[in-house]
Amino acid sequence: MLPLIIGFGLIAATLVIVTVDLTDLYIAQKQTDALADAAALAGADGFTLVADGTGVRAQLDDAGVRRSAMSVLDASPHDARLVSATTSDGATSSVTVATRWDPPIGSFVVPGGVTLTASATGRTALN
């Protein structure tokens, strides 16, 4: 009877550890998504005004998007790195960030050192 109780106790402990680790992984991915969204929004706000014969328009460049996205990552409490920050059409910023996740409860079931990436886009418009 005692080995059965010990066995069920180990199974229950393993389920608790896996549940805690996977919940933390989910939250870490959502934080990475939010950080990418904030960086893309900041990148879209880093425009310069260009006046030509057709009127005034907002123009993005890769350096401005990267600079604005880096300012968000520098202010963030999370240890994230900027993978890419570009603009393809001069009006849309595309940002990709990456973070590293380690389980809060180390175990043999859930691996550590998982790289989480998130991509987001932001668009600027001048009306």
Protein backbone atom coordinates (compact mmCIF):
# COMPACT_ATOMS: atom_id res chain seq x y z
CA MET A 1 0.00 0.00 0.00
CA LEU A 2 2.83 2.41 0.84
CA PRO A 3 4.49 2.10 -2.63
CA LEU A 4 1.15 2.94 -4.23
CA ILE A 5 0.78 6.08 -2.12
CA ILE A 6 4.34 7.13 -2.92
CA GLY A 7 3.75 6.50 -6.63
CA PHE A 8 0.58 8.58 -6.69
CA GLY A 9 2.35 11.31 -4.73
CA LEU A 10 5.14 11.44 -7.32
CA ILE A 11 2.63 11.59 -10.16
CA ALA A 12 0.73 14.42 -8.43
CA ALA A 13 3.95 16.35 -7.76
CA THR A 14 5.02 15.96 -11.40
CA LEU A 15 1.63 17.25 -12.60
CA VAL A 16 1.88 20.28 -10.31
CA ILE A 17 5.42 21.06 -11.52
CA VAL A 18 4.47 20.73 -15.19
CA THR A 19 1.33 22.87 -14.70
CA VAL A 20 3.29 25.64 -12.98
CA ASP A 21 6.02 25.58 -15.64
CA LEU A 22 3.60 25.63 -18.58
CA THR A 23 1.58 28.44 -17.04
CA ASP A 24 4.76 30.47 -16.63
CA LEU A 25 5.71 29.70 -20.26
CA TYR A 26 2.32 30.95 -21.46
CA ILE A 27 2.65 34.17 -19.47
CA ALA A 28 6.22 34.70 -20.74
CA GLN A 29 5.04 34.33 -24.37
CA LYS A 30 2.25 36.84 -23.80
CA GLN A 31 4.76 39.29 -22.28
CA THR A 32 7.01 38.82 -25.32
CA ASP A 33 4.02 39.46 -27.61
CA ALA A 34 3.17 42.65 -25.71
CA LEU A 35 6.78 43.82 -25.89
CA ALA A 36 6.85 43.25 -29.67
CA ASP A 37 3.57 45.17 -30.02
CA ALA A 38 4.94 48.10 -28.02
CA ALA A 39 8.17 48.14 -30.03
CA ALA A 40 6.28 48.06 -33.35
CA LEU A 41 4.02 50.89 -32.20
CA ALA A 42 7.04 52.95 -31.19
CA GLY A 43 8.65 52.15 -34.53
CA ALA A 44 5.58 53.39 -36.37
CA ASP A 45 5.73 56.63 -34.37
CA GLY A 46 9.33 57.26 -35.42
CA PHE A 47 8.38 58.87 -38.72
CA THR A 48 9.67 62.02 -40.36
CA LEU A 49 7.46 64.40 -42.28
CA VAL A 50 8.22 64.65 -45.98
CA ALA A 51 6.81 67.49 -48.06
CA ASP A 52 6.80 67.13 -51.83
CA GLY A 53 4.69 68.26 -54.75
CA THR A 54 1.77 66.01 -53.78
CA GLY A 55 1.55 67.14 -50.15
CA VAL A 56 2.90 66.15 -46.77
CA ARG A 57 3.32 62.51 -45.77
CA ALA A 58 4.83 60.51 -42.94
CA GLN A 59 7.90 58.49 -43.94
CA LEU A 60 9.55 55.69 -41.95
CA ASP A 61 13.09 54.44 -42.44
CA ASP A 62 14.81 51.35 -41.04
CA ALA A 63 17.15 53.35 -38.78
CA GLY A 64 14.26 55.27 -37.20
CA VAL A 65 12.22 52.11 -36.65
CA ARG A 66 15.22 50.36 -35.07
CA ARG A 67 16.03 53.35 -32.84
CA SER A 68 12.43 53.67 -31.61
CA ALA A 69 12.07 49.92 -31.02
CA MET A 70 15.36 49.81 -29.09
CA SER A 71 14.16 52.62 -26.83
CA VAL A 72 11.18 50.48 -25.83
CA LEU A 73 13.37 47.43 -25.19
CA ASP A 74 15.84 49.50 -23.16
CA ALA A 75 13.01 50.77 -20.94
CA SER A 76 11.54 47.29 -20.48
CA PRO A 77 12.30 45.28 -17.34
CA HIS A 78 12.44 42.10 -19.45
CA ASP A 79 15.69 40.80 -20.88
CA ALA A 80 14.75 40.91 -24.56
CA ARG A 81 16.79 41.41 -27.69
CA LEU A 82 15.76 43.00 -30.94
CA VAL A 83 15.95 40.47 -33.76
CA SER A 84 14.80 42.80 -36.53
CA ALA A 85 13.17 46.19 -36.96
CA THR A 86 12.44 47.26 -40.53
CA THR A 87 9.98 49.02 -42.76
CA SER A 88 9.05 47.57 -46.11
CA ASP A 89 6.94 50.37 -47.54
CA GLY A 90 7.85 53.45 -45.53
CA ALA A 91 4.56 53.37 -43.60
CA THR A 92 4.63 50.03 -41.77
CA SER A 93 7.10 49.01 -39.09
CA SER A 94 7.85 45.31 -38.59
CA VAL A 95 9.55 44.31 -35.35
CA THR A 96 10.68 40.92 -34.04
CA VAL A 97 11.92 40.44 -30.48
CA ALA A 98 13.25 37.38 -28.67
CA THR A 99 13.51 36.41 -25.02
CA ARG A 100 14.82 33.37 -23.21
CA TRP A 101 12.55 31.39 -20.90
CA ASP A 102 13.64 29.10 -18.12
CA PRO A 103 11.14 27.15 -16.00
CA PRO A 104 10.58 28.55 -12.50
CA ILE A 105 10.65 25.03 -11.07
CA GLY A 106 13.50 23.09 -12.64
CA SER A 107 12.51 19.60 -13.59
CA PHE A 108 13.48 16.71 -15.80
CA VAL A 109 10.13 16.94 -17.61
CA VAL A 110 10.15 20.57 -18.84
CA PRO A 111 13.29 21.73 -20.70
CA GLY A 112 14.92 25.05 -19.93
CA GLY A 113 16.49 27.67 -22.14
CA VAL A 114 13.62 27.99 -24.61
CA THR A 115 13.84 31.00 -26.95
CA LEU A 116 10.54 32.82 -27.34
CA THR A 117 10.07 35.10 -30.33
CA ALA A 118 7.27 37.47 -31.22
CA SER A 119 6.67 39.63 -34.28
CA ALA A 120 4.40 42.62 -34.63
CA THR A 121 3.64 45.36 -37.13
CA GLY A 122 2.60 48.95 -36.66
CA ARG A 123 1.36 51.34 -39.30
CA THR A 124 1.67 55.09 -39.40
CA ALA A 125 -0.79 57.30 -41.23
CA LEU A 126 -1.02 61.03 -41.69
CA ASN A 127 -4.49 62.40 -42.39
